[in-house]
Amino acid sequence: MEKLKDKLNRIENLYKKIFLLILGSFLMIAPFWAGGLSMFLLSDTQVEWTKLHSVFVSAGVVFFVGGWAFNNIAKAIVAMVTRLSEKLSK
């Protein structure tokens, strides 16, 4: 039973990791899409870089790096929670 639980947990973490990587990639590409269309002469719309573009790129980087390092971050959080619970129980 324990092996099955570990296997399902690894599969769940893999799907979370893939989701974060795809979301981060999308958020990093989205601000450049309209500018790219204009650059390739597919659109006449001129795009100016705003704070919203910076927010999307920043969020994309955070999600992408979070997905890339998901297992390490999860292990660190579990270790911190375990230490806190041990200190509080004493």
PDB file of N, CA and C in Angstrom:
ATOM      1  N   MET A   1       0.825  -1.196   0.000  1.00  0.00           N
ATOM      2  CA  MET A   1       0.000   0.000   0.000  1.00  0.00           C
ATOM      3  C   MET A   1       0.868   1.258   0.000  1.00  0.00           C
ATOM      4  N   GLU A   2       1.951   1.199   0.762  1.00  0.00           N
ATOM      5  CA  GLU A   2       2.853   2.356   0.849  1.00  0.00           C
ATOM      6  C   GLU A   2       3.523   2.639  -0.500  1.00  0.00           C
ATOM      7  N   LYS A   3       3.864   1.567  -1.231  1.00  0.00           N
ATOM      8  CA  LYS A   3       4.492   1.744  -2.548  1.00  0.00           C
ATOM      9  C   LYS A   3       3.532   2.428  -3.518  1.00  0.00           C
ATOM     10  N   LEU A   4       2.284   2.023  -3.469  1.00  0.00           N
ATOM     11  CA  LEU A   4       1.275   2.620  -4.343  1.00  0.00           C
ATOM     12  C   LEU A   4       1.087   4.102  -4.019  1.00  0.00           C
ATOM     13  N   LYS A   5       1.063   4.417  -2.732  1.00  0.00           N
ATOM     14  CA  LYS A   5       0.905   5.802  -2.307  1.00  0.00           C
ATOM     15  C   LYS A   5       2.091   6.650  -2.767  1.00  0.00           C
ATOM     16  N   ASP A   6       3.309   6.140  -2.643  1.00  0.00           N
ATOM     17  CA  ASP A   6       4.494   6.855  -3.099  1.00  0.00           C
ATOM     18  C   ASP A   6       4.478   7.060  -4.608  1.00  0.00           C
ATOM     19  N   LYS A   7       4.063   6.022  -5.333  1.00  0.00           N
ATOM     20  CA  LYS A   7       4.010   6.115  -6.795  1.00  0.00           C
ATOM     21  C   LYS A   7       2.993   7.161  -7.224  1.00  0.00           C
ATOM     22  N   LEU A   8       1.814   7.170  -6.605  1.00  0.00           N
ATOM     23  CA  LEU A   8       0.794   8.165  -6.934  1.00  0.00           C
ATOM     24  C   LEU A   8       1.252   9.569  -6.566  1.00  0.00           C
ATOM     25  N   ASN A   9       1.979   9.691  -5.471  1.00  0.00           N
ATOM     26  CA  ASN A   9       2.504  10.987  -5.056  1.00  0.00           C
ATOM     27  C   ASN A   9       3.525  11.506  -6.065  1.00  0.00           C
ATOM     28  N   ARG A  10       4.386  10.626  -6.573  1.00  0.00           N
ATOM     29  CA  ARG A  10       5.366  11.028  -7.587  1.00  0.00           C
ATOM     30  C   ARG A  10       4.679  11.443  -8.888  1.00  0.00           C
ATOM     31  N   ILE A  11       3.632  10.714  -9.278  1.00  0.00           N
ATOM     32  CA  ILE A  11       2.888  11.065 -10.491  1.00  0.00           C
ATOM     33  C   ILE A  11       2.206  12.418 -10.321  1.00  0.00           C
ATOM     34  N   GLU A  12       1.611  12.645  -9.150  1.00  0.00           N
ATOM     35  CA  GLU A  12       0.959  13.929  -8.876  1.00  0.00           C
ATOM     36  C   GLU A  12       1.976  15.069  -8.935  1.00  0.00           C
ATOM     37  N   ASN A  13       3.147  14.881  -8.344  1.00  0.00           N
ATOM     38  CA  ASN A  13       4.183  15.909  -8.380  1.00  0.00           C
ATOM     39  C   ASN A  13       4.668  16.163  -9.799  1.00  0.00           C
ATOM     40  N   LEU A  14       4.748  15.125 -10.608  1.00  0.00           N
ATOM     41  CA  LEU A  14       5.161  15.284 -11.993  1.00  0.00           C
ATOM     42  C   LEU A  14       4.152  16.134 -12.760  1.00  0.00           C
ATOM     43  N   TYR A  15       2.858  15.872 -12.561  1.00  0.00           N
ATOM     44  CA  TYR A  15       1.838  16.656 -13.241  1.00  0.00           C
ATOM     45  C   TYR A  15       1.834  18.108 -12.771  1.00  0.00           C
ATOM     46  N   LYS A  16       2.062  18.336 -11.486  1.00  0.00           N
ATOM     47  CA  LYS A  16       2.157  19.703 -10.982  1.00  0.00           C
ATOM     48  C   LYS A  16       3.348  20.418 -11.605  1.00  0.00           C
ATOM     49  N   LYS A  17       4.450  19.712 -11.708  1.00  0.00           N
ATOM     50  CA  LYS A  17       5.662  20.282 -12.284  1.00  0.00           C
ATOM     51  C   LYS A  17       5.436  20.643 -13.755  1.00  0.00           C
ATOM     52  N   ILE A  18       4.832  19.751 -14.502  1.00  0.00           N
ATOM     53  CA  ILE A  18       4.551  20.005 -15.920  1.00  0.00           C
ATOM     54  C   ILE A  18       3.592  21.181 -16.072  1.00  0.00           C
ATOM     55  N   PHE A  19       2.566  21.246 -15.220  1.00  0.00           N
ATOM     56  CA  PHE A  19       1.610  22.352 -15.279  1.00  0.00           C
ATOM     57  C   PHE A  19       2.299  23.683 -15.031  1.00  0.00           C
ATOM     58  N   LEU A  20       3.162  23.746 -14.008  1.00  0.00           N
ATOM     59  CA  LEU A  20       3.860  24.992 -13.709  1.00  0.00           C
ATOM     60  C   LEU A  20       4.804  25.392 -14.834  1.00  0.00           C
ATOM     61  N   LEU A  21       5.466  24.416 -15.456  1.00  0.00           N
ATOM     62  CA  LEU A  21       6.361  24.727 -16.570  1.00  0.00           C
ATOM     63  C   LEU A  21       5.590  25.281 -17.773  1.00  0.00           C
ATOM     64  N   ILE A  22       4.456  24.674 -18.078  1.00  0.00           N
ATOM     65  CA  ILE A  22       3.642  25.154 -19.211  1.00  0.00           C
ATOM     66  C   ILE A  22       3.054  26.530 -18.916  1.00  0.00           C
ATOM     67  N   LEU A  23       2.547  26.721 -17.700  1.00  0.00           N
ATOM     68  CA  LEU A  23       1.985  28.019 -17.321  1.00  0.00           C
ATOM     69  C   LEU A  23       3.056  29.104 -17.372  1.00  0.00           C
ATOM     70  N   GLY A  24       4.234  28.817 -16.833  1.00  0.00           N
ATOM     71  CA  GLY A  24       5.320  29.789 -16.869  1.00  0.00           C
ATOM     72  C   GLY A  24       5.741  30.121 -18.285  1.00  0.00           C
ATOM     73  N   SER A  25       5.814  29.116 -19.140  1.00  0.00           N
ATOM     74  CA  SER A  25       6.176  29.356 -20.544  1.00  0.00           C
ATOM     75  C   SER A  25       5.148  30.245 -21.223  1.00  0.00           C
ATOM     76  N   PHE A  26       3.879  29.962 -21.007  1.00  0.00           N
ATOM     77  CA  PHE A  26       2.814  30.765 -21.610  1.00  0.00           C
ATOM     78  C   PHE A  26       2.879  32.214 -21.133  1.00  0.00           C
ATOM     79  N   LEU A  27       3.078  32.404 -19.818  1.00  0.00           N
ATOM     80  CA  LEU A  27       3.116  33.753 -19.276  1.00  0.00           C
ATOM     81  C   LEU A  27       4.337  34.532 -19.757  1.00  0.00           C
ATOM     82  N   MET A  28       5.418  33.841 -20.056  1.00  0.00           N
ATOM     83  CA  MET A  28       6.600  34.530 -20.582  1.00  0.00           C
ATOM     84  C   MET A  28       6.448  34.864 -22.060  1.00  0.00           C
ATOM     85  N   ILE A  29       5.729  34.046 -22.807  1.00  0.00           N
ATOM     86  CA  ILE A  29       5.569  34.264 -24.249  1.00  0.00           C
ATOM     87  C   ILE A  29       4.469  35.280 -24.553  1.00  0.00           C
ATOM     88  N   ALA A  30       3.412  35.304 -23.762  1.00  0.00           N
ATOM     89  CA  ALA A  30       2.250  36.148 -24.041  1.00  0.00           C
ATOM     90  C   ALA A  30       2.580  37.628 -24.237  1.00  0.00           C
ATOM     91  N   PRO A  31       3.410  38.261 -23.424  1.00  0.00           N
ATOM     92  CA  PRO A  31       3.680  39.695 -23.645  1.00  0.00           C
ATOM     93  C   PRO A  31       4.400  39.999 -24.959  1.00  0.00           C
ATOM     94  N   PHE A  32       5.117  39.030 -25.499  1.00  0.00           N
ATOM     95  CA  PHE A  32       5.863  39.256 -26.725  1.00  0.00           C
ATOM     96  C   PHE A  32       5.059  38.908 -27.984  1.00  0.00           C
ATOM     97  N   TRP A  33       3.878  38.341 -27.814  1.00  0.00           N
ATOM     98  CA  TRP A  33       3.101  37.841 -28.950  1.00  0.00           C
ATOM     99  C   TRP A  33       2.706  38.962 -29.905  1.00  0.00           C
ATOM    100  N   ALA A  34       2.071  40.011 -29.385  1.00  0.00           N
ATOM    101  CA  ALA A  34       1.597  41.093 -30.260  1.00  0.00           C
ATOM    102  C   ALA A  34       2.776  41.816 -30.907  1.00  0.00           C
ATOM    103  N   GLY A  35       3.842  42.041 -30.163  1.00  0.00           N
ATOM    104  CA  GLY A  35       5.022  42.663 -30.736  1.00  0.00           C
ATOM    105  C   GLY A  35       5.646  41.804 -31.819  1.00  0.00           C
ATOM    106  N   GLY A  36       5.608  40.505 -31.636  1.00  0.00           N
ATOM    107  CA  GLY A  36       6.132  39.590 -32.650  1.00  0.00           C
ATOM    108  C   GLY A  36       5.300  39.618 -33.920  1.00  0.00           C
ATOM    109  N   LEU A  37       3.984  39.698 -33.769  1.00  0.00           N
ATOM    110  CA  LEU A  37       3.113  39.789 -34.943  1.00  0.00           C
ATOM    111  C   LEU A  37       3.410  41.059 -35.733  1.00  0.00           C
ATOM    112  N   SER A  38       3.611  42.155 -35.021  1.00  0.00           N
ATOM    113  CA  SER A  38       3.939  43.412 -35.681  1.00  0.00           C
ATOM    114  C   SER A  38       5.309  43.331 -36.355  1.00  0.00           C
ATOM    115  N   MET A  39       6.252  42.680 -35.710  1.00  0.00           N
ATOM    116  CA  MET A  39       7.599  42.573 -36.256  1.00  0.00           C
ATOM    117  C   MET A  39       7.611  41.770 -37.557  1.00  0.00           C
ATOM    118  N   PHE A  40       6.806  40.740 -37.647  1.00  0.00           N
ATOM    119  CA  PHE A  40       6.738  39.908 -38.851  1.00  0.00           C
ATOM    120  C   PHE A  40       5.721  40.426 -39.858  1.00  0.00           C
ATOM    121  N   LEU A  41       5.241  41.657 -39.627  1.00  0.00           N
ATOM    122  CA  LEU A  41       4.286  42.332 -40.513  1.00  0.00           C
ATOM    123  C   LEU A  41       2.973  41.559 -40.663  1.00  0.00           C
ATOM    124  N   LEU A  42       2.569  40.899 -39.604  1.00  0.00           N
ATOM    125  CA  LEU A  42       1.289  40.189 -39.601  1.00  0.00           C
ATOM    126  C   LEU A  42       0.180  41.034 -38.981  1.00  0.00           C
ATOM    127  N   SER A  43       0.572  42.153 -38.365  1.00  0.00           N
ATOM    128  CA  SER A  43      -0.400  43.034 -37.728  1.00  0.00           C
ATOM    129  C   SER A  43       0.108  44.474 -37.843  1.00  0.00           C
ATOM    130  N   ASP A  44      -0.832  45.415 -37.932  1.00  0.00           N
ATOM    131  CA  ASP A  44      -0.460  46.828 -38.007  1.00  0.00           C
ATOM    132  C   ASP A  44      -0.454  47.494 -36.638  1.00  0.00           C
ATOM    133  N   THR A  45      -0.818  46.763 -35.611  1.00  0.00           N
ATOM    134  CA  THR A  45      -0.906  47.319 -34.270  1.00  0.00           C
ATOM    135  C   THR A  45       0.483  47.500 -33.669  1.00  0.00           C
ATOM    136  N   GLN A  46       0.759  48.699 -33.179  1.00  0.00           N
ATOM    137  CA  GLN A  46       2.018  48.953 -32.486  1.00  0.00           C
ATOM    138  C   GLN A  46       1.807  48.722 -30.992  1.00  0.00           C
ATOM    139  N   VAL A  47       2.677  47.950 -30.385  1.00  0.00           N
ATOM    140  CA  VAL A  47       2.536  47.582 -28.978  1.00  0.00           C
ATOM    141  C   VAL A  47       3.602  48.306 -28.170  1.00  0.00           C
ATOM    142  N   GLU A  48       3.158  48.976 -27.112  1.00  0.00           N
ATOM    143  CA  GLU A  48       4.100  49.613 -26.193  1.00  0.00           C
ATOM    144  C   GLU A  48       4.218  48.753 -24.948  1.00  0.00           C
ATOM    145  N   TRP A  49       5.428  48.657 -24.432  1.00  0.00           N
ATOM    146  CA  TRP A  49       5.693  47.852 -23.241  1.00  0.00           C
ATOM    147  C   TRP A  49       5.162  48.583 -22.024  1.00  0.00           C
ATOM    148  N   THR A  50       4.281  47.934 -21.257  1.00  0.00           N
ATOM    149  CA  THR A  50       3.694  48.544 -20.062  1.00  0.00           C
ATOM    150  C   THR A  50       4.069  47.731 -18.838  1.00  0.00           C
ATOM    151  N   LYS A  51       3.575  48.178 -17.692  1.00  0.00           N
ATOM    152  CA  LYS A  51       3.840  47.453 -16.442  1.00  0.00           C
ATOM    153  C   LYS A  51       3.196  46.066 -16.469  1.00  0.00           C
ATOM    154  N   LEU A  52       2.067  45.950 -17.158  1.00  0.00           N
ATOM    155  CA  LEU A  52       1.387  44.662 -17.249  1.00  0.00           C
ATOM    156  C   LEU A  52       2.255  43.631 -17.969  1.00  0.00           C
ATOM    157  N   HIS A  53       2.963  44.066 -18.995  1.00  0.00           N
ATOM    158  CA  HIS A  53       3.878  43.164 -19.688  1.00  0.00           C
ATOM    159  C   HIS A  53       4.964  42.672 -18.729  1.00  0.00           C
ATOM    160  N   SER A  54       5.496  43.589 -17.932  1.00  0.00           N
ATOM    161  CA  SER A  54       6.537  43.218 -16.964  1.00  0.00           C
ATOM    162  C   SER A  54       6.004  42.250 -15.915  1.00  0.00           C
ATOM    163  N   VAL A  55       4.763  42.467 -15.493  1.00  0.00           N
ATOM    164  CA  VAL A  55       4.153  41.570 -14.508  1.00  0.00           C
ATOM    165  C   VAL A  55       3.993  40.170 -15.093  1.00  0.00           C
ATOM    166  N   PHE A  56       3.549  40.077 -16.343  1.00  0.00           N
ATOM    167  CA  PHE A  56       3.371  38.773 -16.977  1.00  0.00           C
ATOM    168  C   PHE A  56       4.702  38.041 -17.125  1.00  0.00           C
ATOM    169  N   VAL A  57       5.738  38.754 -17.566  1.00  0.00           N
ATOM    170  CA  VAL A  57       7.045  38.120 -17.726  1.00  0.00           C
ATOM    171  C   VAL A  57       7.594  37.685 -16.365  1.00  0.00           C
ATOM    172  N   SER A  58       7.459  38.530 -15.357  1.00  0.00           N
ATOM    173  CA  SER A  58       7.945  38.178 -14.013  1.00  0.00           C
ATOM    174  C   SER A  58       7.205  36.964 -13.456  1.00  0.00           C
ATOM    175  N   ALA A  59       5.888  36.954 -13.597  1.00  0.00           N
ATOM    176  CA  ALA A  59       5.106  35.811 -13.123  1.00  0.00           C
ATOM    177  C   ALA A  59       5.485  34.548 -13.896  1.00  0.00           C
ATOM    178  N   GLY A  60       5.719  34.685 -15.183  1.00  0.00           N
ATOM    179  CA  GLY A  60       6.138  33.539 -15.993  1.00  0.00           C
ATOM    180  C   GLY A  60       7.456  32.965 -15.523  1.00  0.00           C
ATOM    181  N   VAL A  61       8.405  33.839 -15.212  1.00  0.00           N
ATOM    182  CA  VAL A  61       9.706  33.370 -14.714  1.00  0.00           C
ATOM    183  C   VAL A  61       9.536  32.673 -13.377  1.00  0.00           C
ATOM    184  N   VAL A  62       8.725  33.250 -12.490  1.00  0.00           N
ATOM    185  CA  VAL A  62       8.505  32.633 -11.175  1.00  0.00           C
ATOM    186  C   VAL A  62       7.865  31.253 -11.317  1.00  0.00           C
ATOM    187  N   PHE A  63       6.833  31.138 -12.139  1.00  0.00           N
ATOM    188  CA  PHE A  63       6.171  29.841 -12.314  1.00  0.00           C
ATOM    189  C   PHE A  63       7.086  28.836 -13.006  1.00  0.00           C
ATOM    190  N   PHE A  64       7.854  29.292 -13.997  1.00  0.00           N
ATOM    191  CA  PHE A  64       8.745  28.384 -14.711  1.00  0.00           C
ATOM    192  C   PHE A  64       9.826  27.842 -13.778  1.00  0.00           C
ATOM    193  N   VAL A  65      10.451  28.725 -13.018  1.00  0.00           N
ATOM    194  CA  VAL A  65      11.487  28.292 -12.073  1.00  0.00           C
ATOM    195  C   VAL A  65      10.862  27.455 -10.962  1.00  0.00           C
ATOM    196  N   GLY A  66       9.661  27.831 -10.531  1.00  0.00           N
ATOM    197  CA  GLY A  66       8.966  27.037  -9.512  1.00  0.00           C
ATOM    198  C   GLY A  66       8.664  25.633  -9.996  1.00  0.00           C
ATOM    199  N   GLY A  67       8.271  25.499 -11.261  1.00  0.00           N
ATOM    200  CA  GLY A  67       8.017  24.175 -11.822  1.00  0.00           C
ATOM    201  C   GLY A  67       9.288  23.379 -11.992  1.00  0.00           C
ATOM    202  N   TRP A  68      10.356  24.064 -12.365  1.00  0.00           N
ATOM    203  CA  TRP A  68      11.644  23.393 -12.566  1.00  0.00           C
ATOM    204  C   TRP A  68      12.198  22.873 -11.248  1.00  0.00           C
ATOM    205  N   ALA A  69      12.016  23.638 -10.175  1.00  0.00           N
ATOM    206  CA  ALA A  69      12.561  23.254  -8.871  1.00  0.00           C
ATOM    207  C   ALA A  69      11.468  22.804  -7.912  1.00  0.00           C
ATOM    208  N   PHE A  70      10.358  22.309  -8.437  1.00  0.00           N
ATOM    209  CA  PHE A  70       9.187  21.978  -7.604  1.00  0.00           C
ATOM    210  C   PHE A  70       9.522  20.962  -6.524  1.00  0.00           C
ATOM    211  N   ASN A  71      10.203  19.890  -6.878  1.00  0.00           N
ATOM    212  CA  ASN A  71      10.493  18.846  -5.898  1.00  0.00           C
ATOM    213  C   ASN A  71      11.391  19.361  -4.781  1.00  0.00           C
ATOM    214  N   ASN A  72      12.387  20.164  -5.123  1.00  0.00           N
ATOM    215  CA  ASN A  72      13.280  20.703  -4.103  1.00  0.00           C
ATOM    216  C   ASN A  72      12.554  21.665  -3.176  1.00  0.00           C
ATOM    217  N   ILE A  73      11.692  22.498  -3.736  1.00  0.00           N
ATOM    218  CA  ILE A  73      10.933  23.440  -2.918  1.00  0.00           C
ATOM    219  C   ILE A  73       9.978  22.686  -1.994  1.00  0.00           C
ATOM    220  N   ALA A  74       9.327  21.666  -2.514  1.00  0.00           N
ATOM    221  CA  ALA A  74       8.396  20.879  -1.690  1.00  0.00           C
ATOM    222  C   ALA A  74       9.133  20.189  -0.551  1.00  0.00           C
ATOM    223  N   LYS A  75      10.309  19.642  -0.830  1.00  0.00           N
ATOM    224  CA  LYS A  75      11.093  18.986   0.226  1.00  0.00           C
ATOM    225  C   LYS A  75      11.516  19.987   1.291  1.00  0.00           C
ATOM    226  N   ALA A  76      11.912  21.189   0.884  1.00  0.00           N
ATOM    227  CA  ALA A  76      12.322  22.213   1.843  1.00  0.00           C
ATOM    228  C   ALA A  76      11.152  22.636   2.730  1.00  0.00           C
ATOM    229  N   ILE A  77       9.967  22.782   2.140  1.00  0.00           N
ATOM    230  CA  ILE A  77       8.793  23.170   2.925  1.00  0.00           C
ATOM    231  C   ILE A  77       8.432  22.080   3.928  1.00  0.00           C
ATOM    232  N   VAL A  78       8.482  20.825   3.487  1.00  0.00           N
ATOM    233  CA  VAL A  78       8.184  19.708   4.391  1.00  0.00           C
ATOM    234  C   VAL A  78       9.187  19.669   5.532  1.00  0.00           C
ATOM    235  N   ALA A  79      10.455  19.896   5.232  1.00  0.00           N
ATOM    236  CA  ALA A  79      11.485  19.887   6.281  1.00  0.00           C
ATOM    237  C   ALA A  79      11.247  21.008   7.295  1.00  0.00           C
ATOM    238  N   MET A  80      10.888  22.193   6.815  1.00  0.00           N
ATOM    239  CA  MET A  80      10.622  23.310   7.730  1.00  0.00           C
ATOM    240  C   MET A  80       9.412  23.035   8.604  1.00  0.00           C
ATOM    241  N   VAL A  81       8.351  22.519   8.011  1.00  0.00           N
ATOM    242  CA  VAL A  81       7.143  22.223   8.782  1.00  0.00           C
ATOM    243  C   VAL A  81       7.421  21.140   9.815  1.00  0.00           C
ATOM    244  N   THR A  82       8.209  20.138   9.445  1.00  0.00           N
ATOM    245  CA  THR A  82       8.554  19.067  10.380  1.00  0.00           C
ATOM    246  C   THR A  82       9.341  19.619  11.559  1.00  0.00           C
ATOM    247  N   ARG A  83      10.321  20.472  11.289  1.00  0.00           N
ATOM    248  CA  ARG A  83      11.117  21.066  12.374  1.00  0.00           C
ATOM    249  C   ARG A  83      10.257  21.913  13.272  1.00  0.00           C
ATOM    250  N   LEU A  84       9.370  22.721  12.684  1.00  0.00           N
ATOM    251  CA  LEU A  84       8.484  23.556  13.503  1.00  0.00           C
ATOM    252  C   LEU A  84       7.569  22.715  14.375  1.00  0.00           C
ATOM    253  N   SER A  85       7.007  21.660  13.820  1.00  0.00           N
ATOM    254  CA  SER A  85       6.095  20.815  14.604  1.00  0.00           C
ATOM    255  C   SER A  85       6.850  20.103  15.726  1.00  0.00           C
ATOM    256  N   GLU A  86       8.104  19.712  15.481  1.00  0.00           N
ATOM    257  CA  GLU A  86       8.901  19.080  16.537  1.00  0.00           C
ATOM    258  C   GLU A  86       9.210  20.075  17.653  1.00  0.00           C
ATOM    259  N   LYS A  87       9.535  21.311  17.313  1.00  0.00           N
ATOM    260  CA  LYS A  87       9.841  22.326  18.323  1.00  0.00           C
ATOM    261  C   LYS A  87       8.599  22.702  19.126  1.00  0.00           C
ATOM    262  N   LEU A  88       7.458  22.767  18.452  1.00  0.00           N
ATOM    263  CA  LEU A  88       6.220  23.131  19.149  1.00  0.00           C
ATOM    264  C   LEU A  88       5.727  22.004  20.053  1.00  0.00           C
ATOM    265  N   SER A  89       6.017  20.760  19.704  1.00  0.00           N
ATOM    266  CA  SER A  89       5.547  19.643  20.519  1.00  0.00           C
ATOM    267  C   SER A  89       6.388  19.450  21.779  1.00  0.00           C
ATOM    268  N   LYS A  90       7.592  20.016  21.807  1.00  0.00           N
ATOM    269  CA  LYS A  90       8.462  19.863  22.997  1.00  0.00           C
ATOM    270  C   LYS A  90       8.088  20.778  24.089  1.00  0.00           C
TER     271      LYS A  90
END
